[in-house]
Amino acid sequence: MSEITARFDQAQIDVKRLTERPGNLTLLRLYALFKQATDGDAHGDKPGFTDIVGKYKYDAWDALKGTSQDAAKQQYVELVESLKNGTAS
């Protein structure tokens, strides 16, 4: 297992232990980075207008198109670290 994968796995544990729930935009960013890190570029059908949450999640993931899985893992780790330290914007 690579170092970034180990750090990504730990960040997934850490994010569940946060004392404060992140805001919706931060949660959306975490979701998109997680999907890009684990599945690569967005694929499948985009949810329709009746599934507004699904549409936002898909759009956030699709915005990361072309980002490598390792880069997405690194960004996820950095975001979780900033949330743990209270420095996330």
PDB file of N, CA and C in Angstrom:
ATOM      1  N   MET A   1       0.846  -1.180   0.000  1.00  0.00           N
ATOM      2  CA  MET A   1       0.000   0.000   0.000  1.00  0.00           C
ATOM      3  C   MET A   1       0.890   1.240   0.000  1.00  0.00           C
ATOM      4  N   SER A   2       0.562   2.168  -0.884  1.00  0.00           N
ATOM      5  CA  SER A   2       1.352   3.395  -0.964  1.00  0.00           C
ATOM      6  C   SER A   2       1.071   4.293   0.240  1.00  0.00           C
ATOM      7  N   GLU A   3       1.982   5.223   0.467  1.00  0.00           N
ATOM      8  CA  GLU A   3       1.821   6.147   1.597  1.00  0.00           C
ATOM      9  C   GLU A   3       0.551   6.979   1.450  1.00  0.00           C
ATOM     10  N   ILE A   4       0.276   7.470   0.233  1.00  0.00           N
ATOM     11  CA  ILE A   4      -0.913   8.301   0.049  1.00  0.00           C
ATOM     12  C   ILE A   4      -2.183   7.490   0.281  1.00  0.00           C
ATOM     13  N   THR A   5      -2.180   6.229  -0.110  1.00  0.00           N
ATOM     14  CA  THR A   5      -3.354   5.383   0.121  1.00  0.00           C
ATOM     15  C   THR A   5      -3.564   5.162   1.609  1.00  0.00           C
ATOM     16  N   ALA A   6      -2.493   4.957   2.347  1.00  0.00           N
ATOM     17  CA  ALA A   6      -2.599   4.777   3.800  1.00  0.00           C
ATOM     18  C   ALA A   6      -3.124   6.054   4.457  1.00  0.00           C
ATOM     19  N   ARG A   7      -2.627   7.207   4.014  1.00  0.00           N
ATOM     20  CA  ARG A   7      -3.095   8.486   4.568  1.00  0.00           C
ATOM     21  C   ARG A   7      -4.558   8.742   4.202  1.00  0.00           C
ATOM     22  N   PHE A   8      -4.941   8.361   2.989  1.00  0.00           N
ATOM     23  CA  PHE A   8      -6.327   8.503   2.536  1.00  0.00           C
ATOM     24  C   PHE A   8      -7.247   7.619   3.378  1.00  0.00           C
ATOM     25  N   ASP A   9      -6.833   6.391   3.611  1.00  0.00           N
ATOM     26  CA  ASP A   9      -7.624   5.478   4.448  1.00  0.00           C
ATOM     27  C   ASP A   9      -7.798   6.041   5.857  1.00  0.00           C
ATOM     28  N   GLN A  10      -6.736   6.607   6.412  1.00  0.00           N
ATOM     29  CA  GLN A  10      -6.817   7.196   7.751  1.00  0.00           C
ATOM     30  C   GLN A  10      -7.725   8.425   7.748  1.00  0.00           C
ATOM     31  N   ALA A  11      -7.654   9.215   6.687  1.00  0.00           N
ATOM     32  CA  ALA A  11      -8.499  10.412   6.595  1.00  0.00           C
ATOM     33  C   ALA A  11      -9.978  10.038   6.560  1.00  0.00           C
ATOM     34  N   GLN A  12     -10.305   8.899   5.943  1.00  0.00           N
ATOM     35  CA  GLN A  12     -11.697   8.440   5.920  1.00  0.00           C
ATOM     36  C   GLN A  12     -12.185   8.115   7.330  1.00  0.00           C
ATOM     37  N   ILE A  13     -11.306   7.610   8.153  1.00  0.00           N
ATOM     38  CA  ILE A  13     -11.644   7.336   9.556  1.00  0.00           C
ATOM     39  C   ILE A  13     -11.761   8.656  10.315  1.00  0.00           C
ATOM     40  N   ASP A  14     -10.778   9.528  10.101  1.00  0.00           N
ATOM     41  CA  ASP A  14     -10.740  10.807  10.819  1.00  0.00           C
ATOM     42  C   ASP A  14     -11.958  11.675  10.532  1.00  0.00           C
ATOM     43  N   VAL A  15     -12.429  11.679   9.291  1.00  0.00           N
ATOM     44  CA  VAL A  15     -13.554  12.549   8.934  1.00  0.00           C
ATOM     45  C   VAL A  15     -14.819  12.145   9.686  1.00  0.00           C
ATOM     46  N   LYS A  16     -14.936  10.888  10.017  1.00  0.00           N
ATOM     47  CA  LYS A  16     -16.106  10.410  10.769  1.00  0.00           C
ATOM     48  C   LYS A  16     -16.019  10.776  12.248  1.00  0.00           C
ATOM     49  N   ARG A  17     -14.846  11.176  12.695  1.00  0.00           N
ATOM     50  CA  ARG A  17     -14.624  11.515  14.103  1.00  0.00           C
ATOM     51  C   ARG A  17     -14.576  13.023  14.356  1.00  0.00           C
ATOM     52  N   LEU A  18     -14.883  13.816  13.358  1.00  0.00           N
ATOM     53  CA  LEU A  18     -14.860  15.267  13.544  1.00  0.00           C
ATOM     54  C   LEU A  18     -15.879  15.665  14.598  1.00  0.00           C
ATOM     55  N   THR A  19     -15.514  16.630  15.421  1.00  0.00           N
ATOM     56  CA  THR A  19     -16.422  17.065  16.482  1.00  0.00           C
ATOM     57  C   THR A  19     -17.535  17.957  15.948  1.00  0.00           C
ATOM     58  N   GLU A  20     -17.287  18.628  14.827  1.00  0.00           N
ATOM     59  CA  GLU A  20     -18.303  19.475  14.210  1.00  0.00           C
ATOM     60  C   GLU A  20     -18.574  18.983  12.799  1.00  0.00           C
ATOM     61  N   ARG A  21     -19.855  18.988  12.433  1.00  0.00           N
ATOM     62  CA  ARG A  21     -20.236  18.576  11.086  1.00  0.00           C
ATOM     63  C   ARG A  21     -19.830  19.676  10.108  1.00  0.00           C
ATOM     64  N   PRO A  22     -19.109  19.318   9.039  1.00  0.00           N
ATOM     65  CA  PRO A  22     -18.748  20.324   8.035  1.00  0.00           C
ATOM     66  C   PRO A  22     -19.996  20.864   7.336  1.00  0.00           C
ATOM     67  N   GLY A  23     -19.864  22.033   6.753  1.00  0.00           N
ATOM     68  CA  GLY A  23     -20.957  22.619   5.989  1.00  0.00           C
ATOM     69  C   GLY A  23     -21.246  21.813   4.730  1.00  0.00           C
ATOM     70  N   ASN A  24     -22.371  22.081   4.123  1.00  0.00           N
ATOM     71  CA  ASN A  24     -22.796  21.315   2.953  1.00  0.00           C
ATOM     72  C   ASN A  24     -21.822  21.406   1.786  1.00  0.00           C
ATOM     73  N   LEU A  25     -21.251  22.578   1.539  1.00  0.00           N
ATOM     74  CA  LEU A  25     -20.297  22.707   0.437  1.00  0.00           C
ATOM     75  C   LEU A  25     -19.028  21.901   0.701  1.00  0.00           C
ATOM     76  N   THR A  26     -18.595  21.870   1.944  1.00  0.00           N
ATOM     77  CA  THR A  26     -17.420  21.069   2.301  1.00  0.00           C
ATOM     78  C   THR A  26     -17.739  19.591   2.179  1.00  0.00           C
ATOM     79  N   LEU A  27     -18.919  19.188   2.613  1.00  0.00           N
ATOM     80  CA  LEU A  27     -19.331  17.788   2.463  1.00  0.00           C
ATOM     81  C   LEU A  27     -19.387  17.396   0.990  1.00  0.00           C
ATOM     82  N   LEU A  28     -19.856  18.301   0.152  1.00  0.00           N
ATOM     83  CA  LEU A  28     -19.913  18.047  -1.282  1.00  0.00           C
ATOM     84  C   LEU A  28     -18.509  17.885  -1.853  1.00  0.00           C
ATOM     85  N   ARG A  29     -17.589  18.717  -1.402  1.00  0.00           N
ATOM     86  CA  ARG A  29     -16.191  18.619  -1.852  1.00  0.00           C
ATOM     87  C   ARG A  29     -15.569  17.300  -1.392  1.00  0.00           C
ATOM     88  N   LEU A  30     -15.830  16.909  -0.149  1.00  0.00           N
ATOM     89  CA  LEU A  30     -15.329  15.626   0.353  1.00  0.00           C
ATOM     90  C   LEU A  30     -15.870  14.472  -0.482  1.00  0.00           C
ATOM     91  N   TYR A  31     -17.160  14.522  -0.785  1.00  0.00           N
ATOM     92  CA  TYR A  31     -17.781  13.473  -1.594  1.00  0.00           C
ATOM     93  C   TYR A  31     -17.108  13.382  -2.966  1.00  0.00           C
ATOM     94  N   ALA A  32     -16.966  14.530  -3.625  1.00  0.00           N
ATOM     95  CA  ALA A  32     -16.392  14.551  -4.964  1.00  0.00           C
ATOM     96  C   ALA A  32     -14.956  14.031  -4.964  1.00  0.00           C
ATOM     97  N   LEU A  33     -14.168  14.465  -3.998  1.00  0.00           N
ATOM     98  CA  LEU A  33     -12.781  13.992  -3.911  1.00  0.00           C
ATOM     99  C   LEU A  33     -12.727  12.502  -3.632  1.00  0.00           C
ATOM    100  N   PHE A  34     -13.616  12.016  -2.762  1.00  0.00           N
ATOM    101  CA  PHE A  34     -13.664  10.588  -2.461  1.00  0.00           C
ATOM    102  C   PHE A  34     -13.998   9.788  -3.721  1.00  0.00           C
ATOM    103  N   LYS A  35     -15.019  10.218  -4.457  1.00  0.00           N
ATOM    104  CA  LYS A  35     -15.419   9.505  -5.677  1.00  0.00           C
ATOM    105  C   LYS A  35     -14.301   9.525  -6.712  1.00  0.00           C
ATOM    106  N   GLN A  36     -13.646  10.664  -6.887  1.00  0.00           N
ATOM    107  CA  GLN A  36     -12.559  10.756  -7.857  1.00  0.00           C
ATOM    108  C   GLN A  36     -11.400   9.865  -7.430  1.00  0.00           C
ATOM    109  N   ALA A  37     -11.115   9.834  -6.136  1.00  0.00           N
ATOM    110  CA  ALA A  37     -10.008   9.028  -5.614  1.00  0.00           C
ATOM    111  C   ALA A  37     -10.279   7.539  -5.746  1.00  0.00           C
ATOM    112  N   THR A  38     -11.522   7.136  -5.601  1.00  0.00           N
ATOM    113  CA  THR A  38     -11.836   5.704  -5.599  1.00  0.00           C
ATOM    114  C   THR A  38     -12.328   5.180  -6.942  1.00  0.00           C
ATOM    115  N   ASP A  39     -13.010   6.028  -7.726  1.00  0.00           N
ATOM    116  CA  ASP A  39     -13.604   5.569  -8.988  1.00  0.00           C
ATOM    117  C   ASP A  39     -13.036   6.242 -10.230  1.00  0.00           C
ATOM    118  N   GLY A  40     -12.230   7.276 -10.062  1.00  0.00           N
ATOM    119  CA  GLY A  40     -11.724   8.003 -11.222  1.00  0.00           C
ATOM    120  C   GLY A  40     -12.777   8.964 -11.750  1.00  0.00           C
ATOM    121  N   ASP A  41     -12.658   9.310 -13.033  1.00  0.00           N
ATOM    122  CA  ASP A  41     -13.569  10.285 -13.630  1.00  0.00           C
ATOM    123  C   ASP A  41     -15.020   9.832 -13.542  1.00  0.00           C
ATOM    124  N   ALA A  42     -15.910  10.822 -13.440  1.00  0.00           N
ATOM    125  CA  ALA A  42     -17.352  10.549 -13.341  1.00  0.00           C
ATOM    126  C   ALA A  42     -17.810   9.753 -14.558  1.00  0.00           C
ATOM    127  N   HIS A  43     -18.696   8.820 -14.304  1.00  0.00           N
ATOM    128  CA  HIS A  43     -19.256   7.993 -15.368  1.00  0.00           C
ATOM    129  C   HIS A  43     -20.710   7.683 -15.027  1.00  0.00           C
ATOM    130  N   GLY A  44     -21.408   7.133 -15.960  1.00  0.00           N
ATOM    131  CA  GLY A  44     -22.816   6.834 -15.740  1.00  0.00           C
ATOM    132  C   GLY A  44     -23.678   8.031 -16.074  1.00  0.00           C
ATOM    133  N   ASP A  45     -24.963   7.836 -15.960  1.00  0.00           N
ATOM    134  CA  ASP A  45     -25.911   8.893 -16.285  1.00  0.00           C
ATOM    135  C   ASP A  45     -25.965   9.937 -15.174  1.00  0.00           C
ATOM    136  N   LYS A  46     -26.049  11.179 -15.586  1.00  0.00           N
ATOM    137  CA  LYS A  46     -26.212  12.277 -14.636  1.00  0.00           C
ATOM    138  C   LYS A  46     -27.650  12.243 -14.115  1.00  0.00           C
ATOM    139  N   PRO A  47     -27.828  12.338 -12.808  1.00  0.00           N
ATOM    140  CA  PRO A  47     -29.191  12.349 -12.263  1.00  0.00           C
ATOM    141  C   PRO A  47     -30.021  13.496 -12.851  1.00  0.00           C
ATOM    142  N   GLY A  48     -31.309  13.256 -12.964  1.00  0.00           N
ATOM    143  CA  GLY A  48     -32.214  14.252 -13.524  1.00  0.00           C
ATOM    144  C   GLY A  48     -32.564  15.347 -12.534  1.00  0.00           C
ATOM    145  N   PHE A  49     -33.374  16.281 -12.995  1.00  0.00           N
ATOM    146  CA  PHE A  49     -33.727  17.445 -12.175  1.00  0.00           C
ATOM    147  C   PHE A  49     -34.560  17.083 -10.949  1.00  0.00           C
ATOM    148  N   THR A  50     -35.158  15.897 -10.925  1.00  0.00           N
ATOM    149  CA  THR A  50     -35.941  15.505  -9.746  1.00  0.00           C
ATOM    150  C   THR A  50     -35.052  15.039  -8.599  1.00  0.00           C
ATOM    151  N   ASP A  51     -33.795  14.723  -8.907  1.00  0.00           N
ATOM    152  CA  ASP A  51     -32.835  14.294  -7.876  1.00  0.00           C
ATOM    153  C   ASP A  51     -31.790  15.393  -7.718  1.00  0.00           C
ATOM    154  N   ILE A  52     -32.174  16.477  -7.078  1.00  0.00           N
ATOM    155  CA  ILE A  52     -31.310  17.658  -6.998  1.00  0.00           C
ATOM    156  C   ILE A  52     -30.019  17.373  -6.233  1.00  0.00           C
ATOM    157  N   VAL A  53     -30.103  16.604  -5.147  1.00  0.00           N
ATOM    158  CA  VAL A  53     -28.892  16.278  -4.378  1.00  0.00           C
ATOM    159  C   VAL A  53     -27.961  15.423  -5.227  1.00  0.00           C
ATOM    160  N   GLY A  54     -28.510  14.422  -5.886  1.00  0.00           N
ATOM    161  CA  GLY A  54     -27.705  13.571  -6.762  1.00  0.00           C
ATOM    162  C   GLY A  54     -27.057  14.360  -7.883  1.00  0.00           C
ATOM    163  N   LYS A  55     -27.786  15.324  -8.427  1.00  0.00           N
ATOM    164  CA  LYS A  55     -27.253  16.162  -9.497  1.00  0.00           C
ATOM    165  C   LYS A  55     -26.067  16.984  -8.995  1.00  0.00           C
ATOM    166  N   TYR A  56     -26.211  17.604  -7.828  1.00  0.00           N
ATOM    167  CA  TYR A  56     -25.105  18.388  -7.270  1.00  0.00           C
ATOM    168  C   TYR A  56     -23.892  17.506  -6.984  1.00  0.00           C
ATOM    169  N   LYS A  57     -24.133  16.319  -6.459  1.00  0.00           N
ATOM    170  CA  LYS A  57     -23.027  15.406  -6.167  1.00  0.00           C
ATOM    171  C   LYS A  57     -22.322  14.995  -7.456  1.00  0.00           C
ATOM    172  N   TYR A  58     -23.097  14.658  -8.487  1.00  0.00           N
ATOM    173  CA  TYR A  58     -22.511  14.263  -9.764  1.00  0.00           C
ATOM    174  C   TYR A  58     -21.719  15.422 -10.367  1.00  0.00           C
ATOM    175  N   ASP A  59     -22.295  16.620 -10.349  1.00  0.00           N
ATOM    176  CA  ASP A  59     -21.611  17.791 -10.914  1.00  0.00           C
ATOM    177  C   ASP A  59     -20.298  18.079 -10.193  1.00  0.00           C
ATOM    178  N   ALA A  60     -20.294  17.947  -8.873  1.00  0.00           N
ATOM    179  CA  ALA A  60     -19.066  18.179  -8.100  1.00  0.00           C
ATOM    180  C   ALA A  60     -17.999  17.158  -8.471  1.00  0.00           C
ATOM    181  N   TRP A  61     -18.413  15.908  -8.628  1.00  0.00           N
ATOM    182  CA  TRP A  61     -17.478  14.846  -9.024  1.00  0.00           C
ATOM    183  C   TRP A  61     -16.988  15.095 -10.447  1.00  0.00           C
ATOM    184  N   ASP A  62     -17.902  15.411 -11.357  1.00  0.00           N
ATOM    185  CA  ASP A  62     -17.549  15.628 -12.756  1.00  0.00           C
ATOM    186  C   ASP A  62     -16.592  16.810 -12.915  1.00  0.00           C
ATOM    187  N   ALA A  63     -16.672  17.783 -12.022  1.00  0.00           N
ATOM    188  CA  ALA A  63     -15.778  18.945 -12.076  1.00  0.00           C
ATOM    189  C   ALA A  63     -14.319  18.550 -11.847  1.00  0.00           C
ATOM    190  N   LEU A  64     -14.095  17.380 -11.278  1.00  0.00           N
ATOM    191  CA  LEU A  64     -12.730  16.904 -11.018  1.00  0.00           C
ATOM    192  C   LEU A  64     -12.189  16.046 -12.161  1.00  0.00           C
ATOM    193  N   LYS A  65     -12.919  15.976 -13.256  1.00  0.00           N
ATOM    194  CA  LYS A  65     -12.505  15.162 -14.403  1.00  0.00           C
ATOM    195  C   LYS A  65     -11.068  15.489 -14.787  1.00  0.00           C
ATOM    196  N   GLY A  66     -10.272  14.451 -14.963  1.00  0.00           N
ATOM    197  CA  GLY A  66      -8.876  14.626 -15.327  1.00  0.00           C
ATOM    198  C   GLY A  66      -7.930  14.674 -14.139  1.00  0.00           C
ATOM    199  N   THR A  67      -8.469  14.798 -12.932  1.00  0.00           N
ATOM    200  CA  THR A  67      -7.643  14.773 -11.722  1.00  0.00           C
ATOM    201  C   THR A  67      -7.257  13.325 -11.447  1.00  0.00           C
ATOM    202  N   SER A  68      -5.981  13.072 -11.241  1.00  0.00           N
ATOM    203  CA  SER A  68      -5.555  11.697 -10.970  1.00  0.00           C
ATOM    204  C   SER A  68      -6.118  11.229  -9.635  1.00  0.00           C
ATOM    205  N   GLN A  69      -6.227   9.923  -9.497  1.00  0.00           N
ATOM    206  CA  GLN A  69      -6.749   9.375  -8.250  1.00  0.00           C
ATOM    207  C   GLN A  69      -5.831   9.709  -7.080  1.00  0.00           C
ATOM    208  N   ASP A  70      -4.526   9.672  -7.289  1.00  0.00           N
ATOM    209  CA  ASP A  70      -3.603  10.024  -6.206  1.00  0.00           C
ATOM    210  C   ASP A  70      -3.714  11.499  -5.828  1.00  0.00           C
ATOM    211  N   ALA A  71      -3.894  12.375  -6.821  1.00  0.00           N
ATOM    212  CA  ALA A  71      -4.059  13.803  -6.520  1.00  0.00           C
ATOM    213  C   ALA A  71      -5.348  14.036  -5.738  1.00  0.00           C
ATOM    214  N   ALA A  72      -6.409  13.323  -6.099  1.00  0.00           N
ATOM    215  CA  ALA A  72      -7.676  13.448  -5.366  1.00  0.00           C
ATOM    216  C   ALA A  72      -7.517  12.943  -3.936  1.00  0.00           C
ATOM    217  N   LYS A  73      -6.778  11.855  -3.760  1.00  0.00           N
ATOM    218  CA  LYS A  73      -6.525  11.339  -2.409  1.00  0.00           C
ATOM    219  C   LYS A  73      -5.779  12.379  -1.586  1.00  0.00           C
ATOM    220  N   GLN A  74      -4.766  12.999  -2.190  1.00  0.00           N
ATOM    221  CA  GLN A  74      -3.970  14.008  -1.484  1.00  0.00           C
ATOM    222  C   GLN A  74      -4.834  15.202  -1.091  1.00  0.00           C
ATOM    223  N   GLN A  75      -5.680  15.663  -1.999  1.00  0.00           N
ATOM    224  CA  GLN A  75      -6.561  16.793  -1.694  1.00  0.00           C
ATOM    225  C   GLN A  75      -7.564  16.434  -0.601  1.00  0.00           C
ATOM    226  N   TYR A  76      -8.057  15.207  -0.625  1.00  0.00           N
ATOM    227  CA  TYR A  76      -8.988  14.739   0.406  1.00  0.00           C
ATOM    228  C   TYR A  76      -8.302  14.755   1.768  1.00  0.00           C
ATOM    229  N   VAL A  77      -7.088  14.209   1.822  1.00  0.00           N
ATOM    230  CA  VAL A  77      -6.317  14.175   3.068  1.00  0.00           C
ATOM    231  C   VAL A  77      -6.091  15.597   3.581  1.00  0.00           C
ATOM    232  N   GLU A  78      -5.698  16.501   2.698  1.00  0.00           N
ATOM    233  CA  GLU A  78      -5.442  17.889   3.102  1.00  0.00           C
ATOM    234  C   GLU A  78      -6.714  18.563   3.617  1.00  0.00           C
ATOM    235  N   LEU A  79      -7.845  18.292   2.977  1.00  0.00           N
ATOM    236  CA  LEU A  79      -9.101  18.886   3.424  1.00  0.00           C
ATOM    237  C   LEU A  79      -9.496  18.354   4.794  1.00  0.00           C
ATOM    238  N   VAL A  80      -9.361  17.053   4.998  1.00  0.00           N
ATOM    239  CA  VAL A  80      -9.689  16.472   6.305  1.00  0.00           C
ATOM    240  C   VAL A  80      -8.758  17.034   7.377  1.00  0.00           C
ATOM    241  N   GLU A  81      -7.483  17.164   7.065  1.00  0.00           N
ATOM    242  CA  GLU A  81      -6.536  17.738   8.028  1.00  0.00           C
ATOM    243  C   GLU A  81      -6.935  19.168   8.392  1.00  0.00           C
ATOM    244  N   SER A  82      -7.344  19.954   7.394  1.00  0.00           N
ATOM    245  CA  SER A  82      -7.747  21.334   7.684  1.00  0.00           C
ATOM    246  C   SER A  82      -9.019  21.362   8.528  1.00  0.00           C
ATOM    247  N   LEU A  83      -9.908  20.409   8.331  1.00  0.00           N
ATOM    248  CA  LEU A  83     -11.115  20.326   9.162  1.00  0.00           C
ATOM    249  C   LEU A  83     -10.758  19.942  10.596  1.00  0.00           C
ATOM    250  N   LYS A  84      -9.830  19.024  10.737  1.00  0.00           N
ATOM    251  CA  LYS A  84      -9.392  18.609  12.077  1.00  0.00           C
ATOM    252  C   LYS A  84      -8.737  19.766  12.820  1.00  0.00           C
ATOM    253  N   ASN A  85      -7.992  20.589  12.088  1.00  0.00           N
ATOM    254  CA  ASN A  85      -7.262  21.704  12.694  1.00  0.00           C
ATOM    255  C   ASN A  85      -8.093  22.974  12.787  1.00  0.00           C
ATOM    256  N   GLY A  86      -9.287  22.941  12.244  1.00  0.00           N
ATOM    257  CA  GLY A  86     -10.148  24.114  12.280  1.00  0.00           C
ATOM    258  C   GLY A  86      -9.736  25.213  11.332  1.00  0.00           C
ATOM    259  N   THR A  87      -8.985  24.856  10.283  1.00  0.00           N
ATOM    260  CA  THR A  87      -8.510  25.868   9.346  1.00  0.00           C
ATOM    261  C   THR A  87      -9.193  25.789   7.988  1.00  0.00           C
ATOM    262  N   ALA A  88     -10.202  24.939   7.857  1.00  0.00           N
ATOM    263  CA  ALA A  88     -10.907  24.827   6.573  1.00  0.00           C
ATOM    264  C   ALA A  88     -11.716  26.082   6.329  1.00  0.00           C
ATOM    265  N   SER A  89     -11.784  26.471   5.051  1.00  0.00           N
ATOM    266  CA  SER A  89     -12.568  27.671   4.724  1.00  0.00           C
ATOM    267  C   SER A  89     -13.966  27.301   4.291  1.00  0.00           C
TER     268      SER A  89
END
